[in-house]
Each structure stands twice: as structure tokens, then as C-alpha cells.
Amino acid sequence: MIKYVIWDFNGTVLDDRELTLKLLNEILKNQEKPSLSMEQYLAVFGFPIKDYYLKAGVTFERDSFAELADWFIKIFQPESLKLNLHEGVLTTLKELIKKGITNVCLSASKQSNLEEQLNHYQIRKYFKYVLGTDNIHALGKKTNGAEFLKINKINPKSCVLIGDTIEDYIIARELGVLPVLFSGGHQPKAKLLTKTKLVIDNISDLLTIIKNEGE
């Protein structure tokens, strides 16, 4: 039976892919490189971020990756407060709580930025745990998730991880939790389906998967 839902934030809870593409294209424009369409962006996006930048055509001769990453976060954070949550996120969070399921937010974002976003969109109260990547131990997303399960003595088989990228799938498998992928984020549905059949087009479809897991 599922007792915990671990949520990725960017691209899963927050609909931020158009903003991400806009900022990527600003970087490309500054480097006098061709801009990307959304279809092209979805095809190249992945992790590590530096590798996806290279695939997109970004070079690091004039600006280092660290400098570009700092610029991106500086612009992205305030702009991320002008977006929308994906359809179905709020109702699903509420419904999970009604069912006695605990919501956890696991993100590669800085803790302070993540908290600001969750508070701005008035959904912080629906997450019992918020795990960013600049906590006391400065751990990565996967390590943060593993430590969370260990400290709280949580059986991974009682957890679902909902994300929007192949990386989320890999992290879920390494943690031993059930991966569910959302097709409205930063990677195309066809790519997600190469890893799992549990790919949903609407966040609220997560409730059906959880119901089926309990039967």
C-alpha cells in the first residue's frame, strides 16, 4: 500500500518549461547561436545540465558553465513566481492527504528557493517534508531521498516518486520506490515511455495508479 508520494518540483508541480526554454534561448542569442523550438528543447533536455547545454549549442569559451548557471538561477527564481502549477496538482495533493498519504517534495533546487516557491503558490502546507539540495549536509537529490527514507525508517515499497524526466525514473529505481512519469514536463512522452508504462498526461491520473497499487 502506498503511504508516501515523493514529488519532483520543476516540470512536475510547476509548469516552467516555457520559462526554461526562454532563458536557454537568451543564452544562445548572447552567444549568437540559433534558438531552439520547444520540440528541439524537449529532445535535448537532460542531466547533467552542462551536457544538455552543449547539446543545445551553448559553448563555455566566453562564459563558464558556473557563470551561466548562476545567471540562470538569478533570473529564473523571481520569474518562477509568475507561472502556474500544472493542472491537477492542487486537487491531487489535497486528495492524497484525505487518503492518509504523506506528500514529500524532493528537488535539486536550493532549499530557500524551493520554500519560497511552495509558499508563493500556497502549497507548502500540503507537503510534510521539503527536501532541497542545500540543507545541512549539502546532499544531492538521490542522496537526500535515500537519507530521508533511512532516517524515517520508510519502506521504499510504500512510496511513489512522480517526476517528469528519465533522471527521476533512475532516482526512483535506485531508491527502490515506484516511478511514475508525467508527460507535461521537460522531456517528451515517447522518451519517458522507453523506461516505463507508468506515464501520465494529467497529474490527477496519479490517484488511479495509487489506487491500483493498493488492490
N, C-alpha and C. Protein backbone atom coordinates (compact mmCIF):
# COMPACT_ATOMS: atom_id res chain seq x y z
N MET A 1 0.84 -1.20 0.00
CA MET A 1 0.00 0.00 0.00
C MET A 1 0.88 1.26 0.00
N ILE A 2 0.49 2.23 -0.80
CA ILE A 2 1.27 3.46 -0.91
C ILE A 2 0.94 4.40 0.26
N LYS A 3 2.00 4.84 0.95
CA LYS A 3 1.84 5.75 2.09
C LYS A 3 2.51 7.11 1.86
N TYR A 4 3.41 7.15 0.88
CA TYR A 4 4.15 8.40 0.60
C TYR A 4 4.18 8.66 -0.91
N VAL A 5 3.97 9.91 -1.28
CA VAL A 5 4.21 10.34 -2.66
C VAL A 5 5.33 11.38 -2.63
N ILE A 6 6.41 11.07 -3.33
CA ILE A 6 7.57 11.96 -3.41
C ILE A 6 7.48 12.72 -4.73
N TRP A 7 7.34 14.02 -4.62
CA TRP A 7 7.13 14.87 -5.79
C TRP A 7 8.41 15.58 -6.23
N ASP A 8 8.75 15.46 -7.50
CA ASP A 8 9.70 16.39 -8.12
C ASP A 8 8.98 17.73 -8.23
N PHE A 9 9.71 18.83 -8.30
CA PHE A 9 9.05 20.14 -8.35
C PHE A 9 9.04 20.75 -9.76
N ASN A 10 10.22 21.04 -10.29
CA ASN A 10 10.30 21.73 -11.59
C ASN A 10 9.82 20.82 -12.71
N GLY A 11 8.81 21.25 -13.43
CA GLY A 11 8.27 20.48 -14.54
C GLY A 11 7.21 19.49 -14.14
N THR A 12 7.12 19.18 -12.85
CA THR A 12 6.11 18.24 -12.35
C THR A 12 5.03 18.98 -11.60
N VAL A 13 5.42 19.70 -10.56
CA VAL A 13 4.47 20.55 -9.83
C VAL A 13 4.32 21.88 -10.57
N LEU A 14 5.45 22.49 -10.90
CA LEU A 14 5.46 23.81 -11.54
C LEU A 14 5.61 23.67 -13.06
N ASP A 15 4.76 24.36 -13.79
CA ASP A 15 4.83 24.35 -15.26
C ASP A 15 5.84 25.42 -15.70
N ASP A 16 7.09 25.02 -15.79
CA ASP A 16 8.16 26.01 -16.02
C ASP A 16 8.98 25.76 -17.27
N ARG A 17 8.51 24.88 -18.14
CA ARG A 17 9.37 24.55 -19.29
C ARG A 17 9.48 25.71 -20.28
N GLU A 18 8.42 26.50 -20.45
CA GLU A 18 8.50 27.63 -21.37
C GLU A 18 9.48 28.69 -20.86
N LEU A 19 9.48 28.90 -19.55
CA LEU A 19 10.44 29.84 -18.96
C LEU A 19 11.86 29.32 -19.12
N THR A 20 12.05 28.04 -18.87
CA THR A 20 13.39 27.44 -19.01
C THR A 20 13.90 27.58 -20.44
N LEU A 21 13.02 27.31 -21.41
CA LEU A 21 13.41 27.45 -22.82
C LEU A 21 13.71 28.91 -23.16
N LYS A 22 12.91 29.82 -22.64
CA LYS A 22 13.13 31.25 -22.90
C LYS A 22 14.52 31.68 -22.43
N LEU A 23 14.91 31.24 -21.24
CA LEU A 23 16.22 31.63 -20.70
C LEU A 23 17.36 30.94 -21.46
N LEU A 24 17.14 29.69 -21.84
CA LEU A 24 18.14 29.00 -22.66
C LEU A 24 18.35 29.75 -23.97
N ASN A 25 17.26 30.18 -24.59
CA ASN A 25 17.37 30.91 -25.86
C ASN A 25 18.04 32.27 -25.69
N GLU A 26 17.91 32.87 -24.52
CA GLU A 26 18.63 34.13 -24.26
C GLU A 26 20.13 33.88 -24.22
N ILE A 27 20.51 32.76 -23.60
CA ILE A 27 21.93 32.39 -23.57
C ILE A 27 22.44 32.16 -24.99
N LEU A 28 21.67 31.41 -25.78
CA LEU A 28 22.07 31.12 -27.15
C LEU A 28 22.15 32.40 -27.99
N LYS A 29 21.21 33.30 -27.79
CA LYS A 29 21.21 34.57 -28.53
C LYS A 29 22.46 35.38 -28.19
N ASN A 30 22.81 35.43 -26.91
CA ASN A 30 24.00 36.16 -26.48
C ASN A 30 25.28 35.58 -27.08
N GLN A 31 25.22 34.27 -27.38
CA GLN A 31 26.38 33.61 -27.99
C GLN A 31 26.26 33.54 -29.51
N GLU A 32 25.23 34.24 -30.04
CA GLU A 32 24.98 34.28 -31.48
C GLU A 32 24.79 32.88 -32.06
N LYS A 33 24.04 32.06 -31.32
CA LYS A 33 23.70 30.70 -31.75
C LYS A 33 22.21 30.64 -32.06
N PRO A 34 21.79 29.69 -32.89
CA PRO A 34 20.36 29.57 -33.22
C PRO A 34 19.52 29.20 -31.99
N SER A 35 18.33 29.77 -31.92
CA SER A 35 17.43 29.44 -30.82
C SER A 35 16.78 28.09 -31.06
N LEU A 36 16.21 27.51 -30.01
CA LEU A 36 15.56 26.20 -30.10
C LEU A 36 14.05 26.35 -30.02
N SER A 37 13.35 25.50 -30.75
CA SER A 37 11.90 25.40 -30.59
C SER A 37 11.62 24.55 -29.36
N MET A 38 10.37 24.51 -28.92
CA MET A 38 10.02 23.67 -27.78
C MET A 38 10.31 22.20 -28.09
N GLU A 39 9.99 21.78 -29.29
CA GLU A 39 10.24 20.38 -29.67
C GLU A 39 11.72 20.05 -29.60
N GLN A 40 12.55 20.96 -30.09
CA GLN A 40 14.01 20.75 -30.03
C GLN A 40 14.50 20.75 -28.59
N TYR A 41 13.95 21.64 -27.78
CA TYR A 41 14.33 21.71 -26.37
C TYR A 41 14.03 20.40 -25.65
N LEU A 42 12.81 19.89 -25.84
CA LEU A 42 12.41 18.66 -25.16
C LEU A 42 13.30 17.49 -25.59
N ALA A 43 13.76 17.53 -26.83
CA ALA A 43 14.60 16.45 -27.35
C ALA A 43 15.99 16.44 -26.74
N VAL A 44 16.51 17.62 -26.38
CA VAL A 44 17.89 17.68 -25.86
C VAL A 44 17.97 17.77 -24.34
N PHE A 45 16.88 18.16 -23.68
CA PHE A 45 16.95 18.38 -22.23
C PHE A 45 17.32 17.09 -21.50
N GLY A 46 18.16 17.22 -20.51
CA GLY A 46 18.54 16.07 -19.70
C GLY A 46 19.55 16.48 -18.65
N PHE A 47 20.13 15.48 -18.01
CA PHE A 47 21.11 15.71 -16.95
C PHE A 47 22.38 14.94 -17.27
N PRO A 48 23.55 15.45 -16.85
CA PRO A 48 23.75 16.73 -16.17
C PRO A 48 23.38 17.92 -17.07
N ILE A 49 23.03 19.04 -16.44
CA ILE A 49 22.61 20.23 -17.16
C ILE A 49 23.69 20.69 -18.14
N LYS A 50 24.95 20.58 -17.74
CA LYS A 50 26.04 21.02 -18.61
C LYS A 50 26.01 20.27 -19.94
N ASP A 51 25.71 18.97 -19.89
CA ASP A 51 25.67 18.17 -21.12
C ASP A 51 24.52 18.62 -22.02
N TYR A 52 23.38 18.92 -21.41
CA TYR A 52 22.23 19.35 -22.23
C TYR A 52 22.50 20.73 -22.84
N TYR A 53 23.19 21.59 -22.11
CA TYR A 53 23.57 22.89 -22.68
C TYR A 53 24.42 22.70 -23.93
N LEU A 54 25.37 21.78 -23.85
CA LEU A 54 26.24 21.51 -25.00
C LEU A 54 25.43 21.00 -26.19
N LYS A 55 24.49 20.10 -25.92
CA LYS A 55 23.63 19.58 -26.99
C LYS A 55 22.78 20.69 -27.61
N ALA A 56 22.41 21.67 -26.77
CA ALA A 56 21.58 22.78 -27.25
C ALA A 56 22.39 23.78 -28.08
N GLY A 57 23.72 23.67 -28.01
CA GLY A 57 24.57 24.57 -28.79
C GLY A 57 25.32 25.61 -27.97
N VAL A 58 25.16 25.56 -26.65
CA VAL A 58 25.86 26.51 -25.77
C VAL A 58 27.35 26.14 -25.71
N THR A 59 28.20 27.15 -25.71
CA THR A 59 29.63 26.92 -25.51
C THR A 59 30.07 27.64 -24.24
N PHE A 60 31.21 27.21 -23.71
CA PHE A 60 31.69 27.76 -22.44
C PHE A 60 33.03 28.47 -22.60
N GLU A 61 33.29 28.98 -23.80
CA GLU A 61 34.55 29.67 -24.05
C GLU A 61 34.55 31.07 -23.44
N ARG A 62 33.45 31.80 -23.65
CA ARG A 62 33.36 33.16 -23.12
C ARG A 62 32.82 33.17 -21.69
N ASP A 63 31.76 32.41 -21.49
CA ASP A 63 31.13 32.31 -20.16
C ASP A 63 31.26 30.88 -19.67
N SER A 64 31.75 30.71 -18.46
CA SER A 64 31.87 29.36 -17.91
C SER A 64 30.49 28.81 -17.58
N PHE A 65 30.41 27.50 -17.45
CA PHE A 65 29.13 26.89 -17.08
C PHE A 65 28.64 27.42 -15.74
N ALA A 66 29.56 27.59 -14.79
CA ALA A 66 29.19 28.09 -13.46
C ALA A 66 28.58 29.49 -13.56
N GLU A 67 29.17 30.33 -14.41
CA GLU A 67 28.65 31.70 -14.59
C GLU A 67 27.26 31.68 -15.21
N LEU A 68 27.06 30.82 -16.20
CA LEU A 68 25.75 30.72 -16.85
C LEU A 68 24.71 30.16 -15.90
N ALA A 69 25.11 29.17 -15.10
CA ALA A 69 24.18 28.57 -14.13
C ALA A 69 23.76 29.60 -13.09
N ASP A 70 24.71 30.40 -12.63
CA ASP A 70 24.39 31.46 -11.65
C ASP A 70 23.43 32.49 -12.25
N TRP A 71 23.70 32.87 -13.50
CA TRP A 71 22.82 33.83 -14.19
C TRP A 71 21.41 33.25 -14.33
N PHE A 72 21.35 31.98 -14.71
CA PHE A 72 20.05 31.34 -14.91
C PHE A 72 19.21 31.37 -13.64
N ILE A 73 19.81 30.95 -12.52
CA ILE A 73 19.08 30.90 -11.25
C ILE A 73 18.66 32.30 -10.82
N LYS A 74 19.54 33.27 -11.02
CA LYS A 74 19.25 34.66 -10.62
C LYS A 74 18.01 35.18 -11.35
N ILE A 75 17.88 34.87 -12.63
CA ILE A 75 16.73 35.32 -13.42
C ILE A 75 15.53 34.41 -13.20
N PHE A 76 15.80 33.11 -13.14
CA PHE A 76 14.71 32.12 -13.07
C PHE A 76 13.89 32.24 -11.80
N GLN A 77 14.55 32.40 -10.65
CA GLN A 77 13.83 32.36 -9.38
C GLN A 77 12.68 33.37 -9.31
N PRO A 78 12.92 34.67 -9.53
CA PRO A 78 11.79 35.62 -9.47
C PRO A 78 10.75 35.37 -10.57
N GLU A 79 11.21 34.96 -11.75
CA GLU A 79 10.27 34.69 -12.85
C GLU A 79 9.43 33.45 -12.57
N SER A 80 9.97 32.51 -11.79
CA SER A 80 9.25 31.28 -11.48
C SER A 80 8.04 31.53 -10.59
N LEU A 81 7.96 32.73 -10.02
CA LEU A 81 6.83 33.08 -9.16
C LEU A 81 5.69 33.70 -9.97
N LYS A 82 5.83 33.71 -11.29
CA LYS A 82 4.81 34.28 -12.17
C LYS A 82 4.17 33.21 -13.05
N LEU A 83 4.38 31.96 -12.72
CA LEU A 83 3.93 30.85 -13.56
C LEU A 83 2.67 30.21 -12.99
N ASN A 84 2.39 28.99 -13.43
CA ASN A 84 1.23 28.24 -12.94
C ASN A 84 1.67 26.85 -12.51
N LEU A 85 0.93 26.30 -11.57
CA LEU A 85 1.09 24.89 -11.25
C LEU A 85 0.44 24.09 -12.37
N HIS A 86 0.92 22.88 -12.57
CA HIS A 86 0.27 22.03 -13.57
C HIS A 86 -1.15 21.71 -13.12
N GLU A 87 -2.03 21.58 -14.10
CA GLU A 87 -3.42 21.24 -13.82
C GLU A 87 -3.48 19.92 -13.04
N GLY A 88 -4.27 19.91 -11.99
CA GLY A 88 -4.45 18.70 -11.21
C GLY A 88 -3.54 18.57 -10.01
N VAL A 89 -2.52 19.41 -9.92
CA VAL A 89 -1.57 19.31 -8.80
C VAL A 89 -2.26 19.57 -7.46
N LEU A 90 -2.95 20.69 -7.36
CA LEU A 90 -3.56 21.07 -6.09
C LEU A 90 -4.60 20.06 -5.63
N THR A 91 -5.48 19.67 -6.53
CA THR A 91 -6.53 18.71 -6.14
C THR A 91 -5.93 17.36 -5.77
N THR A 92 -4.86 16.97 -6.46
CA THR A 92 -4.22 15.69 -6.15
C THR A 92 -3.53 15.72 -4.79
N LEU A 93 -2.83 16.81 -4.49
CA LEU A 93 -2.21 16.96 -3.17
C LEU A 93 -3.25 16.84 -2.06
N LYS A 94 -4.36 17.52 -2.24
CA LYS A 94 -5.43 17.50 -1.23
C LYS A 94 -6.03 16.11 -1.10
N GLU A 95 -6.26 15.46 -2.23
CA GLU A 95 -6.89 14.13 -2.22
C GLU A 95 -5.98 13.10 -1.57
N LEU A 96 -4.69 13.20 -1.81
CA LEU A 96 -3.74 12.27 -1.19
C LEU A 96 -3.76 12.41 0.32
N ILE A 97 -3.81 13.65 0.80
CA ILE A 97 -3.86 13.87 2.24
C ILE A 97 -5.14 13.29 2.83
N LYS A 98 -6.24 13.44 2.12
CA LYS A 98 -7.52 12.85 2.57
C LYS A 98 -7.41 11.34 2.72
N LYS A 99 -6.61 10.74 1.86
CA LYS A 99 -6.43 9.29 1.88
C LYS A 99 -5.37 8.85 2.90
N GLY A 100 -4.81 9.82 3.63
CA GLY A 100 -3.80 9.49 4.64
C GLY A 100 -2.41 9.30 4.08
N ILE A 101 -2.20 9.76 2.86
CA ILE A 101 -0.89 9.63 2.21
C ILE A 101 -0.08 10.91 2.43
N THR A 102 1.20 10.74 2.73
CA THR A 102 2.09 11.87 3.02
C THR A 102 2.77 12.37 1.75
N ASN A 103 2.71 13.68 1.52
CA ASN A 103 3.38 14.29 0.37
C ASN A 103 4.77 14.78 0.77
N VAL A 104 5.75 14.47 -0.08
CA VAL A 104 7.14 14.88 0.13
C VAL A 104 7.61 15.58 -1.14
N CYS A 105 8.28 16.71 -1.01
CA CYS A 105 8.84 17.40 -2.17
C CYS A 105 10.35 17.17 -2.19
N LEU A 106 10.85 16.57 -3.26
CA LEU A 106 12.28 16.28 -3.41
C LEU A 106 12.78 16.98 -4.66
N SER A 107 13.67 17.94 -4.48
CA SER A 107 14.08 18.77 -5.62
C SER A 107 15.58 19.05 -5.62
N ALA A 108 16.10 19.30 -6.81
CA ALA A 108 17.50 19.71 -6.95
C ALA A 108 17.68 21.20 -6.68
N SER A 109 16.57 21.90 -6.44
CA SER A 109 16.63 23.34 -6.16
C SER A 109 17.21 23.62 -4.78
N LYS A 110 17.73 24.83 -4.60
CA LYS A 110 18.17 25.25 -3.28
C LYS A 110 16.97 25.28 -2.34
N GLN A 111 17.20 24.89 -1.10
CA GLN A 111 16.11 24.80 -0.13
C GLN A 111 15.35 26.13 -0.01
N SER A 112 16.08 27.24 0.07
CA SER A 112 15.43 28.54 0.26
C SER A 112 14.57 28.91 -0.95
N ASN A 113 15.07 28.62 -2.15
CA ASN A 113 14.29 28.90 -3.36
C ASN A 113 13.04 28.05 -3.43
N LEU A 114 13.21 26.78 -3.07
CA LEU A 114 12.08 25.84 -3.10
C LEU A 114 11.00 26.25 -2.10
N GLU A 115 11.42 26.61 -0.91
CA GLU A 115 10.46 27.05 0.11
C GLU A 115 9.72 28.31 -0.36
N GLU A 116 10.45 29.23 -0.98
CA GLU A 116 9.83 30.46 -1.48
C GLU A 116 8.76 30.14 -2.53
N GLN A 117 9.07 29.22 -3.42
CA GLN A 117 8.12 28.85 -4.47
C GLN A 117 6.89 28.16 -3.89
N LEU A 118 7.10 27.22 -3.00
CA LEU A 118 5.97 26.50 -2.39
C LEU A 118 5.07 27.44 -1.60
N ASN A 119 5.68 28.36 -0.88
CA ASN A 119 4.89 29.33 -0.12
C ASN A 119 4.14 30.29 -1.04
N HIS A 120 4.81 30.72 -2.11
CA HIS A 120 4.17 31.65 -3.04
C HIS A 120 2.92 31.04 -3.67
N TYR A 121 3.01 29.78 -4.04
CA TYR A 121 1.87 29.12 -4.68
C TYR A 121 0.90 28.50 -3.66
N GLN A 122 1.17 28.78 -2.39
CA GLN A 122 0.29 28.38 -1.28
C GLN A 122 0.07 26.87 -1.20
N ILE A 123 1.13 26.11 -1.45
CA ILE A 123 1.02 24.66 -1.36
C ILE A 123 2.02 24.06 -0.35
N ARG A 124 2.79 24.92 0.32
CA ARG A 124 3.76 24.40 1.29
C ARG A 124 3.08 23.56 2.35
N LYS A 125 1.87 23.93 2.75
CA LYS A 125 1.15 23.23 3.83
C LYS A 125 0.76 21.80 3.46
N TYR A 126 0.79 21.48 2.17
CA TYR A 126 0.41 20.13 1.74
C TYR A 126 1.59 19.16 1.74
N PHE A 127 2.80 19.68 1.96
CA PHE A 127 3.99 18.83 1.99
C PHE A 127 4.50 18.73 3.43
N LYS A 128 4.52 17.51 3.94
CA LYS A 128 5.05 17.31 5.29
C LYS A 128 6.56 17.49 5.30
N TYR A 129 7.20 17.08 4.22
CA TYR A 129 8.67 17.19 4.12
C TYR A 129 9.04 17.91 2.82
N VAL A 130 9.99 18.83 2.91
CA VAL A 130 10.51 19.52 1.73
C VAL A 130 12.03 19.34 1.72
N LEU A 131 12.53 18.67 0.70
CA LEU A 131 13.95 18.31 0.65
C LEU A 131 14.63 18.99 -0.53
N GLY A 132 15.28 20.12 -0.27
CA GLY A 132 16.08 20.80 -1.28
C GLY A 132 17.51 20.30 -1.19
N THR A 133 18.41 20.92 -1.96
CA THR A 133 19.77 20.37 -2.03
C THR A 133 20.84 21.19 -1.32
N ASP A 134 20.44 22.21 -0.56
CA ASP A 134 21.48 22.92 0.19
C ASP A 134 21.18 22.86 1.69
N ASN A 135 20.70 21.70 2.10
CA ASN A 135 20.46 21.52 3.54
C ASN A 135 21.80 21.39 4.26
N ILE A 136 21.75 21.03 5.52
CA ILE A 136 22.96 20.97 6.35
C ILE A 136 24.06 20.12 5.72
N HIS A 137 23.65 19.02 5.08
CA HIS A 137 24.65 18.09 4.53
C HIS A 137 25.01 18.40 3.08
N ALA A 138 24.29 19.34 2.46
CA ALA A 138 24.55 19.71 1.05
C ALA A 138 24.58 18.49 0.14
N LEU A 139 23.56 17.66 0.28
CA LEU A 139 23.50 16.41 -0.48
C LEU A 139 22.77 16.59 -1.80
N GLY A 140 22.98 15.65 -2.72
CA GLY A 140 22.27 15.67 -3.99
C GLY A 140 20.87 15.10 -3.84
N LYS A 141 20.12 15.16 -4.93
CA LYS A 141 18.71 14.75 -4.91
C LYS A 141 18.55 13.27 -4.52
N LYS A 142 19.34 12.41 -5.15
CA LYS A 142 19.23 10.98 -4.86
C LYS A 142 19.66 10.68 -3.43
N THR A 143 20.77 11.25 -3.01
CA THR A 143 21.27 11.01 -1.65
C THR A 143 20.32 11.56 -0.61
N ASN A 144 19.74 12.73 -0.90
CA ASN A 144 18.74 13.31 0.00
C ASN A 144 17.56 12.36 0.18
N GLY A 145 17.11 11.80 -0.94
CA GLY A 145 15.98 10.88 -0.90
C GLY A 145 16.31 9.63 -0.10
N ALA A 146 17.50 9.09 -0.32
CA ALA A 146 17.91 7.87 0.39
C ALA A 146 18.03 8.13 1.89
N GLU A 147 18.59 9.28 2.25
CA GLU A 147 18.73 9.62 3.67
C GLU A 147 17.36 9.82 4.32
N PHE A 148 16.45 10.44 3.57
CA PHE A 148 15.09 10.66 4.08
C PHE A 148 14.42 9.32 4.40
N LEU A 149 14.52 8.36 3.49
CA LEU A 149 13.90 7.05 3.71
C LEU A 149 14.55 6.35 4.90
N LYS A 150 15.87 6.44 5.00
CA LYS A 150 16.60 5.76 6.08
C LYS A 150 16.28 6.36 7.44
N ILE A 151 16.37 7.68 7.56
CA ILE A 151 16.13 8.36 8.84
C ILE A 151 14.72 8.11 9.35
N ASN A 152 13.76 8.13 8.44
CA ASN A 152 12.36 7.97 8.84
C ASN A 152 11.89 6.52 8.81
N LYS A 153 12.85 5.60 8.52
CA LYS A 153 12.56 4.16 8.51
C LYS A 153 11.34 3.84 7.63
N ILE A 154 11.38 4.37 6.43
CA ILE A 154 10.28 4.20 5.48
C ILE A 154 10.60 3.07 4.50
N ASN A 155 9.66 2.17 4.33
CA ASN A 155 9.80 1.09 3.35
C ASN A 155 9.66 1.69 1.95
N PRO A 156 10.68 1.59 1.11
CA PRO A 156 10.59 2.17 -0.24
C PRO A 156 9.39 1.66 -1.03
N LYS A 157 8.96 0.44 -0.73
CA LYS A 157 7.82 -0.13 -1.47
C LYS A 157 6.51 0.56 -1.13
N SER A 158 6.53 1.42 -0.10
CA SER A 158 5.32 2.16 0.26
C SER A 158 5.33 3.56 -0.37
N CYS A 159 6.27 3.79 -1.30
CA CYS A 159 6.44 5.13 -1.88
C CYS A 159 6.30 5.13 -3.40
N VAL A 160 5.76 6.23 -3.89
CA VAL A 160 5.74 6.54 -5.32
C VAL A 160 6.55 7.82 -5.52
N LEU A 161 7.36 7.87 -6.57
CA LEU A 161 8.03 9.12 -6.94
C LEU A 161 7.44 9.58 -8.27
N ILE A 162 6.91 10.79 -8.29
CA ILE A 162 6.35 11.36 -9.50
C ILE A 162 7.29 12.44 -10.03
N GLY A 163 7.75 12.26 -11.26
CA GLY A 163 8.67 13.21 -11.87
C GLY A 163 8.40 13.34 -13.35
N ASP A 164 9.21 14.14 -14.03
CA ASP A 164 8.95 14.39 -15.45
C ASP A 164 10.15 14.09 -16.35
N THR A 165 11.18 13.45 -15.80
CA THR A 165 12.37 13.16 -16.61
C THR A 165 12.88 11.74 -16.37
N ILE A 166 13.73 11.30 -17.29
CA ILE A 166 14.37 10.00 -17.14
C ILE A 166 15.19 9.96 -15.86
N GLU A 167 15.79 11.09 -15.48
CA GLU A 167 16.57 11.14 -14.24
C GLU A 167 15.69 10.80 -13.04
N ASP A 168 14.45 11.30 -13.04
CA ASP A 168 13.54 10.98 -11.94
C ASP A 168 13.26 9.48 -11.89
N TYR A 169 13.14 8.87 -13.06
CA TYR A 169 12.93 7.42 -13.13
C TYR A 169 14.13 6.69 -12.53
N ILE A 170 15.33 7.12 -12.93
CA ILE A 170 16.55 6.47 -12.44
C ILE A 170 16.68 6.62 -10.93
N ILE A 171 16.42 7.82 -10.42
CA ILE A 171 16.48 8.06 -8.97
C ILE A 171 15.48 7.17 -8.25
N ALA A 172 14.27 7.09 -8.77
CA ALA A 172 13.24 6.26 -8.14
C ALA A 172 13.67 4.80 -8.08
N ARG A 173 14.22 4.29 -9.17
CA ARG A 173 14.66 2.90 -9.20
C ARG A 173 15.80 2.66 -8.21
N GLU A 174 16.72 3.62 -8.13
CA GLU A 174 17.84 3.47 -7.20
C GLU A 174 17.38 3.54 -5.75
N LEU A 175 16.32 4.29 -5.49
CA LEU A 175 15.76 4.37 -4.13
C LEU A 175 14.88 3.17 -3.82
N GLY A 176 14.47 2.45 -4.84
CA GLY A 176 13.59 1.30 -4.64
C GLY A 176 12.12 1.66 -4.56
N VAL A 177 11.77 2.88 -5.01
CA VAL A 177 10.38 3.32 -4.97
C VAL A 177 9.77 3.23 -6.37
N LEU A 178 8.45 3.28 -6.45
CA LEU A 178 7.76 3.14 -7.73
C LEU A 178 7.84 4.44 -8.53
N PRO A 179 8.40 4.42 -9.75
CA PRO A 179 8.47 5.64 -10.56
C PRO A 179 7.20 5.83 -11.40
N VAL A 180 6.67 7.05 -11.37
CA VAL A 180 5.59 7.45 -12.27
C VAL A 180 6.07 8.73 -12.95
N LEU A 181 5.94 8.79 -14.27
CA LEU A 181 6.44 9.95 -15.01
C LEU A 181 5.30 10.74 -15.64
N PHE A 182 5.46 12.06 -15.64
CA PHE A 182 4.46 13.00 -16.15
C PHE A 182 4.92 13.56 -17.49
N SER A 183 4.06 13.50 -18.49
CA SER A 183 4.45 13.86 -19.86
C SER A 183 4.40 15.35 -20.16
N GLY A 184 3.97 16.17 -19.19
CA GLY A 184 3.84 17.60 -19.44
C GLY A 184 5.03 18.43 -18.99
N GLY A 185 6.14 17.77 -18.71
CA GLY A 185 7.31 18.47 -18.19
C GLY A 185 8.39 18.71 -19.23
N HIS A 186 9.63 18.34 -18.87
CA HIS A 186 10.79 18.75 -19.66
C HIS A 186 11.31 17.69 -20.64
N GLN A 187 10.65 16.55 -20.73
CA GLN A 187 11.06 15.55 -21.71
C GLN A 187 9.83 14.98 -22.41
N PRO A 188 9.96 14.58 -23.68
CA PRO A 188 8.80 14.12 -24.45
C PRO A 188 8.28 12.76 -23.97
N LYS A 189 6.99 12.57 -24.16
CA LYS A 189 6.34 11.34 -23.71
C LYS A 189 6.99 10.10 -24.30
N ALA A 190 7.35 10.16 -25.57
CA ALA A 190 7.95 8.99 -26.23
C ALA A 190 9.23 8.56 -25.53
N LYS A 191 10.04 9.52 -25.08
CA LYS A 191 11.28 9.19 -24.37
C LYS A 191 10.97 8.56 -23.01
N LEU A 192 9.98 9.11 -22.31
CA LEU A 192 9.62 8.58 -20.99
C LEU A 192 9.10 7.15 -21.11
N LEU A 193 8.35 6.87 -22.17
CA LEU A 193 7.78 5.53 -22.36
C LEU A 193 8.84 4.47 -22.65
N THR A 194 10.05 4.89 -22.97
CA THR A 194 11.12 3.90 -23.17
C THR A 194 11.57 3.30 -21.84
N LYS A 195 11.19 3.95 -20.73
CA LYS A 195 11.60 3.47 -19.41
C LYS A 195 10.46 2.79 -18.64
N THR A 196 9.24 3.29 -18.79
CA THR A 196 8.12 2.74 -18.02
C THR A 196 6.80 3.00 -18.72
N LYS A 197 5.83 2.12 -18.47
CA LYS A 197 4.48 2.33 -19.00
C LYS A 197 3.69 3.28 -18.11
N LEU A 198 4.22 3.54 -16.91
CA LEU A 198 3.51 4.41 -15.97
C LEU A 198 3.82 5.87 -16.27
N VAL A 199 3.34 6.32 -17.42
CA VAL A 199 3.48 7.72 -17.85
C VAL A 199 2.09 8.33 -17.92
N ILE A 200 1.90 9.44 -17.21
CA ILE A 200 0.57 10.07 -17.15
C ILE A 200 0.58 11.42 -17.85
N ASP A 201 -0.57 11.77 -18.42
CA ASP A 201 -0.71 13.05 -19.12
C ASP A 201 -1.31 14.13 -18.22
N ASN A 202 -1.96 13.70 -17.15
CA ASN A 202 -2.53 14.64 -16.18
C ASN A 202 -2.13 14.19 -14.79
N ILE A 203 -1.70 15.12 -13.97
CA ILE A 203 -1.23 14.78 -12.62
C ILE A 203 -2.28 14.01 -11.83
N SER A 204 -3.55 14.33 -12.03
CA SER A 204 -4.61 13.66 -11.27
C SER A 204 -4.69 12.16 -11.57
N ASP A 205 -4.11 11.73 -12.72
CA ASP A 205 -4.09 10.30 -13.04
C ASP A 205 -3.24 9.51 -12.05
N LEU A 206 -2.42 10.21 -11.28
CA LEU A 206 -1.61 9.57 -10.25
C LEU A 206 -2.50 8.86 -9.23
N LEU A 207 -3.66 9.42 -8.96
CA LEU A 207 -4.58 8.83 -7.98
C LEU A 207 -5.04 7.44 -8.42
N THR A 208 -5.25 7.27 -9.71
CA THR A 208 -5.67 5.97 -10.24
C THR A 208 -4.56 4.94 -10.08
N ILE A 209 -3.33 5.34 -10.36
CA ILE A 209 -2.19 4.43 -10.22
C ILE A 209 -2.04 4.00 -8.77
N ILE A 210 -2.16 4.94 -7.85
CA ILE A 210 -2.03 4.63 -6.42
C ILE A 210 -3.16 3.70 -5.98
N LYS A 211 -4.35 3.93 -6.48
CA LYS A 211 -5.49 3.07 -6.16
C LYS A 211 -5.22 1.64 -6.65
N ASN A 212 -4.70 1.52 -7.86
CA ASN A 212 -4.41 0.20 -8.42
C ASN A 212 -3.30 -0.50 -7.65
N GLU A 213 -2.33 0.26 -7.14
CA GLU A 213 -1.23 -0.32 -6.37
C GLU A 213 -1.73 -0.89 -5.05
N GLY A 214 -2.83 -0.34 -4.55
CA GLY A 214 -3.38 -0.78 -3.27
C GLY A 214 -4.28 -1.99 -3.38
N GLU A 215 -4.58 -2.39 -4.61
CA GLU A 215 -5.51 -3.52 -4.81
C GLU A 215 -4.76 -4.82 -5.02
